């Protein structure tokens, strides 16, 4: 399944991933990503887990190539 993620959601996940790599992930960042993923999934009628996994794959693997 291909999901067209909005730029703001990609930016949030990118921030979280950068913080994770530095060992600096904050609760506020984690919460912001979770809430944005949940809202996007509801808006698009998708499963939250599918959105979350797709977003993590995009940010962590596809943009690194």
PDB file of N, CA and C in Angstrom:
ATOM      1  N   UNK A   1       0.852  -1.178   0.000  1.00  0.00           N
ATOM      2  CA  UNK A   1       0.000   0.000   0.000  1.00  0.00           C
ATOM      3  C   UNK A   1       0.898   1.241   0.000  1.00  0.00           C
ATOM      4  N   UNK A   2       0.589   2.162  -0.871  1.00  0.00           N
ATOM      5  CA  UNK A   2       1.321   3.421  -0.941  1.00  0.00           C
ATOM      6  C   UNK A   2       0.461   4.520  -0.325  1.00  0.00           C
ATOM      7  N   UNK A   3       1.039   5.252   0.593  1.00  0.00           N
ATOM      8  CA  UNK A   3       0.331   6.341   1.266  1.00  0.00           C
ATOM      9  C   UNK A   3       1.027   7.643   0.906  1.00  0.00           C
ATOM     10  N   UNK A   4       0.244   8.640   0.527  1.00  0.00           N
ATOM     11  CA  UNK A   4       0.782   9.960   0.210  1.00  0.00           C
ATOM     12  C   UNK A   4       0.790  10.795   1.491  1.00  0.00           C
ATOM     13  N   UNK A   5       1.941  10.805   2.160  1.00  0.00           N
ATOM     14  CA  UNK A   5       2.060  11.502   3.431  1.00  0.00           C
ATOM     15  C   UNK A   5       2.238  12.999   3.213  1.00  0.00           C
ATOM     16  N   UNK A   6       1.565  13.814   4.021  1.00  0.00           N
ATOM     17  CA  UNK A   6       1.768  15.265   3.930  1.00  0.00           C
ATOM     18  C   UNK A   6       3.142  15.649   4.489  1.00  0.00           C
ATOM     19  N   UNK A   7       3.656  16.759   4.004  1.00  0.00           N
ATOM     20  CA  UNK A   7       4.983  17.214   4.415  1.00  0.00           C
ATOM     21  C   UNK A   7       5.117  17.404   5.920  1.00  0.00           C
ATOM     22  N   UNK A   8       4.065  17.917   6.562  1.00  0.00           N
ATOM     23  CA  UNK A   8       4.165  18.157   8.006  1.00  0.00           C
ATOM     24  C   UNK A   8       4.321  16.861   8.795  1.00  0.00           C
ATOM     25  N   UNK A   9       3.705  15.798   8.336  1.00  0.00           N
ATOM     26  CA  UNK A   9       3.816  14.504   9.012  1.00  0.00           C
ATOM     27  C   UNK A   9       5.215  13.922   8.807  1.00  0.00           C
ATOM     28  N   UNK A  10       5.742  14.062   7.612  1.00  0.00           N
ATOM     29  CA  UNK A  10       7.110  13.608   7.331  1.00  0.00           C
ATOM     30  C   UNK A  10       8.100  14.397   8.185  1.00  0.00           C
ATOM     31  N   UNK A  11       7.891  15.694   8.302  1.00  0.00           N
ATOM     32  CA  UNK A  11       8.790  16.532   9.103  1.00  0.00           C
ATOM     33  C   UNK A  11       8.751  16.127  10.579  1.00  0.00           C
ATOM     34  N   UNK A  12       7.573  15.851  11.102  1.00  0.00           N
ATOM     35  CA  UNK A  12       7.464  15.417  12.500  1.00  0.00           C
ATOM     36  C   UNK A  12       8.212  14.111  12.736  1.00  0.00           C
ATOM     37  N   UNK A  13       8.007  13.146  11.849  1.00  0.00           N
ATOM     38  CA  UNK A  13       8.681  11.854  12.007  1.00  0.00           C
ATOM     39  C   UNK A  13      10.186  12.002  11.827  1.00  0.00           C
ATOM     40  N   UNK A  14      10.610  12.877  10.932  1.00  0.00           N
ATOM     41  CA  UNK A  14      12.040  13.123  10.740  1.00  0.00           C
ATOM     42  C   UNK A  14      12.659  13.701  12.009  1.00  0.00           C
ATOM     43  N   UNK A  15      11.954  14.624  12.642  1.00  0.00           N
ATOM     44  CA  UNK A  15      12.428  15.188  13.910  1.00  0.00           C
ATOM     45  C   UNK A  15      12.543  14.097  14.969  1.00  0.00           C
ATOM     46  N   UNK A  16      11.525  13.258  15.073  1.00  0.00           N
ATOM     47  CA  UNK A  16      11.550  12.168  16.054  1.00  0.00           C
ATOM     48  C   UNK A  16      12.709  11.215  15.778  1.00  0.00           C
ATOM     49  N   UNK A  17      12.910  10.865  14.519  1.00  0.00           N
ATOM     50  CA  UNK A  17      13.972   9.929  14.166  1.00  0.00           C
ATOM     51  C   UNK A  17      15.343  10.523  14.485  1.00  0.00           C
ATOM     52  N   UNK A  18      15.526  11.792  14.218  1.00  0.00           N
ATOM     53  CA  UNK A  18      16.783  12.471  14.550  1.00  0.00           C
ATOM     54  C   UNK A  18      17.015  12.449  16.053  1.00  0.00           C
ATOM     55  N   UNK A  19      15.973  12.735  16.818  1.00  0.00           N
ATOM     56  CA  UNK A  19      16.089  12.704  18.276  1.00  0.00           C
ATOM     57  C   UNK A  19      16.393  11.289  18.779  1.00  0.00           C
ATOM     58  N   UNK A  20      15.766  10.291  18.186  1.00  0.00           N
ATOM     59  CA  UNK A  20      16.017   8.900  18.585  1.00  0.00           C
ATOM     60  C   UNK A  20      17.484   8.555  18.345  1.00  0.00           C
ATOM     61  N   UNK A  21      18.001   8.917  17.191  1.00  0.00           N
ATOM     62  CA  UNK A  21      19.392   8.598  16.861  1.00  0.00           C
ATOM     63  C   UNK A  21      20.374   9.277  17.817  1.00  0.00           C
ATOM     64  N   UNK A  22      20.003  10.419  18.326  1.00  0.00           N
ATOM     65  CA  UNK A  22      20.864  11.147  19.275  1.00  0.00           C
ATOM     66  C   UNK A  22      20.607  10.734  20.721  1.00  0.00           C
ATOM     67  N   UNK A  23      19.602   9.899  20.948  1.00  0.00           N
ATOM     68  CA  UNK A  23      19.235   9.515  22.309  1.00  0.00           C
ATOM     69  C   UNK A  23      18.536  10.631  23.049  1.00  0.00           C
ATOM     70  N   UNK A  24      17.831  11.494  22.311  1.00  0.00           N
ATOM     71  CA  UNK A  24      17.213  12.688  22.884  1.00  0.00           C
ATOM     72  C   UNK A  24      15.711  12.796  22.607  1.00  0.00           C
ATOM     73  N   UNK A  25      15.044  11.697  22.310  1.00  0.00           N
ATOM     74  CA  UNK A  25      13.617  11.778  21.999  1.00  0.00           C
ATOM     75  C   UNK A  25      12.858  12.287  23.212  1.00  0.00           C
ATOM     76  N   UNK A  26      12.046  13.317  22.997  1.00  0.00           N
ATOM     77  CA  UNK A  26      11.257  13.875  24.089  1.00  0.00           C
ATOM     78  C   UNK A  26       9.835  13.310  24.056  1.00  0.00           C
ATOM     79  N   UNK A  27       9.201  13.358  25.188  1.00  0.00           N
ATOM     80  CA  UNK A  27       7.808  12.926  25.276  1.00  0.00           C
ATOM     81  C   UNK A  27       6.940  13.806  24.384  1.00  0.00           C
ATOM     82  N   UNK A  28       7.223  15.085  24.351  1.00  0.00           N
ATOM     83  CA  UNK A  28       6.436  16.003  23.521  1.00  0.00           C
ATOM     84  C   UNK A  28       6.532  15.653  22.045  1.00  0.00           C
ATOM     85  N   UNK A  29       7.730  15.324  21.583  1.00  0.00           N
ATOM     86  CA  UNK A  29       7.889  14.945  20.177  1.00  0.00           C
ATOM     87  C   UNK A  29       7.170  13.634  19.895  1.00  0.00           C
ATOM     88  N   UNK A  30       7.357  12.653  20.749  1.00  0.00           N
ATOM     89  CA  UNK A  30       6.705  11.353  20.558  1.00  0.00           C
ATOM     90  C   UNK A  30       5.184  11.509  20.544  1.00  0.00           C
ATOM     91  N   UNK A  31       4.670  12.317  21.450  1.00  0.00           N
ATOM     92  CA  UNK A  31       3.229  12.554  21.519  1.00  0.00           C
ATOM     93  C   UNK A  31       2.729  13.260  20.261  1.00  0.00           C
ATOM     94  N   UNK A  32       3.467  14.248  19.790  1.00  0.00           N
ATOM     95  CA  UNK A  32       3.067  14.994  18.594  1.00  0.00           C
ATOM     96  C   UNK A  32       2.994  14.073  17.382  1.00  0.00           C
ATOM     97  N   UNK A  33       3.982  13.193  17.241  1.00  0.00           N
ATOM     98  CA  UNK A  33       3.968  12.251  16.114  1.00  0.00           C
ATOM     99  C   UNK A  33       2.776  11.307  16.246  1.00  0.00           C
ATOM    100  N   UNK A  34       2.590  10.752  17.426  1.00  0.00           N
ATOM    101  CA  UNK A  34       1.488   9.805  17.643  1.00  0.00           C
ATOM    102  C   UNK A  34       0.128  10.448  17.326  1.00  0.00           C
ATOM    103  N   UNK A  35      -0.073  11.648  17.825  1.00  0.00           N
ATOM    104  CA  UNK A  35      -1.350  12.337  17.593  1.00  0.00           C
ATOM    105  C   UNK A  35      -1.539  12.677  16.115  1.00  0.00           C
ATOM    106  N   UNK A  36      -0.480  13.095  15.448  1.00  0.00           N
ATOM    107  CA  UNK A  36      -0.579  13.436  14.023  1.00  0.00           C
ATOM    108  C   UNK A  36      -0.842  12.196  13.183  1.00  0.00           C
ATOM    109  N   UNK A  37      -0.184  11.097  13.509  1.00  0.00           N
ATOM    110  CA  UNK A  37      -0.403   9.838  12.786  1.00  0.00           C
ATOM    111  C   UNK A  37      -1.839   9.371  12.987  1.00  0.00           C
ATOM    112  N   UNK A  38      -2.312   9.430  14.217  1.00  0.00           N
ATOM    113  CA  UNK A  38      -3.680   9.004  14.517  1.00  0.00           C
ATOM    114  C   UNK A  38      -4.700   9.852  13.759  1.00  0.00           C
ATOM    115  N   UNK A  39      -4.514  11.159  13.773  1.00  0.00           N
ATOM    116  CA  UNK A  39      -5.442  12.062  13.072  1.00  0.00           C
ATOM    117  C   UNK A  39      -5.426  11.808  11.576  1.00  0.00           C
ATOM    118  N   UNK A  40      -4.246  11.628  11.006  1.00  0.00           N
ATOM    119  CA  UNK A  40      -4.126  11.378   9.572  1.00  0.00           C
ATOM    120  C   UNK A  40      -4.808  10.059   9.196  1.00  0.00           C
ATOM    121  N   UNK A  41      -4.579   9.026  10.005  1.00  0.00           N
ATOM    122  CA  UNK A  41      -5.190   7.722   9.743  1.00  0.00           C
ATOM    123  C   UNK A  41      -6.715   7.819   9.778  1.00  0.00           C
ATOM    124  N   UNK A  42      -7.243   8.507  10.765  1.00  0.00           N
ATOM    125  CA  UNK A  42      -8.699   8.673  10.856  1.00  0.00           C
ATOM    126  C   UNK A  42      -9.242   9.456   9.666  1.00  0.00           C
ATOM    127  N   UNK A  43      -8.547  10.511   9.293  1.00  0.00           N
ATOM    128  CA  UNK A  43      -8.976  11.354   8.174  1.00  0.00           C
ATOM    129  C   UNK A  43      -9.012  10.563   6.867  1.00  0.00           C
ATOM    130  N   UNK A  44      -8.036   9.677   6.675  1.00  0.00           N
ATOM    131  CA  UNK A  44      -7.929   8.923   5.421  1.00  0.00           C
ATOM    132  C   UNK A  44      -8.620   7.567   5.476  1.00  0.00           C
ATOM    133  N   UNK A  45      -9.144   7.200   6.640  1.00  0.00           N
ATOM    134  CA  UNK A  45      -9.811   5.902   6.773  1.00  0.00           C
ATOM    135  C   UNK A  45      -8.832   4.732   6.724  1.00  0.00           C
ATOM    136  N   UNK A  46      -7.636   4.951   7.263  1.00  0.00           N
ATOM    137  CA  UNK A  46      -6.602   3.928   7.267  1.00  0.00           C
ATOM    138  C   UNK A  46      -6.350   3.445   8.689  1.00  0.00           C
ATOM    139  N   UNK A  47      -5.733   2.276   8.785  1.00  0.00           N
ATOM    140  CA  UNK A  47      -5.337   1.792  10.105  1.00  0.00           C
ATOM    141  C   UNK A  47      -4.142   2.598  10.587  1.00  0.00           C
ATOM    142  N   UNK A  48      -4.169   3.003  11.851  1.00  0.00           N
ATOM    143  CA  UNK A  48      -3.080   3.797  12.409  1.00  0.00           C
ATOM    144  C   UNK A  48      -1.751   3.079  12.276  1.00  0.00           C
ATOM    145  N   UNK A  49      -1.737   1.792  12.522  1.00  0.00           N
ATOM    146  CA  UNK A  49      -0.495   1.022  12.446  1.00  0.00           C
ATOM    147  C   UNK A  49       0.078   1.038  11.031  1.00  0.00           C
ATOM    148  N   UNK A  50      -0.778   0.952  10.025  1.00  0.00           N
ATOM    149  CA  UNK A  50      -0.299   1.007   8.639  1.00  0.00           C
ATOM    150  C   UNK A  50       0.327   2.363   8.328  1.00  0.00           C
ATOM    151  N   UNK A  51      -0.299   3.426   8.822  1.00  0.00           N
ATOM    152  CA  UNK A  51       0.240   4.775   8.617  1.00  0.00           C
ATOM    153  C   UNK A  51       1.580   4.905   9.330  1.00  0.00           C
ATOM    154  N   UNK A  52       1.635   4.471  10.575  1.00  0.00           N
ATOM    155  CA  UNK A  52       2.862   4.588  11.350  1.00  0.00           C
ATOM    156  C   UNK A  52       4.019   3.821  10.706  1.00  0.00           C
ATOM    157  N   UNK A  53       3.766   2.584  10.323  1.00  0.00           N
ATOM    158  CA  UNK A  53       4.819   1.780   9.706  1.00  0.00           C
ATOM    159  C   UNK A  53       5.258   2.351   8.360  1.00  0.00           C
ATOM    160  N   UNK A  54       4.304   2.813   7.576  1.00  0.00           N
ATOM    161  CA  UNK A  54       4.634   3.409   6.283  1.00  0.00           C
ATOM    162  C   UNK A  54       5.468   4.664   6.448  1.00  0.00           C
ATOM    163  N   UNK A  55       5.114   5.479   7.418  1.00  0.00           N
ATOM    164  CA  UNK A  55       5.832   6.715   7.670  1.00  0.00           C
ATOM    165  C   UNK A  55       7.254   6.437   8.161  1.00  0.00           C
ATOM    166  N   UNK A  56       7.393   5.497   9.083  1.00  0.00           N
ATOM    167  CA  UNK A  56       8.725   5.146   9.591  1.00  0.00           C
ATOM    168  C   UNK A  56       9.596   4.591   8.467  1.00  0.00           C
ATOM    169  N   UNK A  57       9.020   3.755   7.619  1.00  0.00           N
ATOM    170  CA  UNK A  57       9.765   3.201   6.493  1.00  0.00           C
ATOM    171  C   UNK A  57      10.234   4.306   5.560  1.00  0.00           C
ATOM    172  N   UNK A  58       9.351   5.236   5.256  1.00  0.00           N
ATOM    173  CA  UNK A  58       9.705   6.354   4.380  1.00  0.00           C
ATOM    174  C   UNK A  58      10.851   7.169   4.961  1.00  0.00           C
ATOM    175  N   UNK A  59      10.722   7.563   6.206  1.00  0.00           N
ATOM    176  CA  UNK A  59      11.712   8.461   6.824  1.00  0.00           C
ATOM    177  C   UNK A  59      13.022   7.739   7.119  1.00  0.00           C
ATOM    178  N   UNK A  60      12.944   6.512   7.602  1.00  0.00           N
ATOM    179  CA  UNK A  60      14.153   5.842   8.070  1.00  0.00           C
ATOM    180  C   UNK A  60      14.915   5.112   6.977  1.00  0.00           C
ATOM    181  N   UNK A  61      14.222   4.684   5.929  1.00  0.00           N
ATOM    182  CA  UNK A  61      14.889   3.864   4.930  1.00  0.00           C
ATOM    183  C   UNK A  61      14.885   4.463   3.531  1.00  0.00           C
ATOM    184  N   UNK A  62      13.746   4.971   3.098  1.00  0.00           N
ATOM    185  CA  UNK A  62      13.656   5.462   1.724  1.00  0.00           C
ATOM    186  C   UNK A  62      14.351   6.807   1.533  1.00  0.00           C
ATOM    187  N   UNK A  63      14.297   7.676   2.538  1.00  0.00           N
ATOM    188  CA  UNK A  63      14.952   8.982   2.387  1.00  0.00           C
ATOM    189  C   UNK A  63      16.449   8.868   2.663  1.00  0.00           C
ATOM    190  N   UNK A  64      16.883   7.768   3.271  1.00  0.00           N
ATOM    191  CA  UNK A  64      18.304   7.583   3.569  1.00  0.00           C
ATOM    192  C   UNK A  64      19.065   7.079   2.349  1.00  0.00           C
ATOM    193  N   UNK A  65      18.353   6.564   1.387  1.00  0.00           N
ATOM    194  CA  UNK A  65      19.007   5.972   0.199  1.00  0.00           C
ATOM    195  C   UNK A  65      19.531   7.024  -0.747  1.00  0.00           C
TER     196      UNK A  65
END
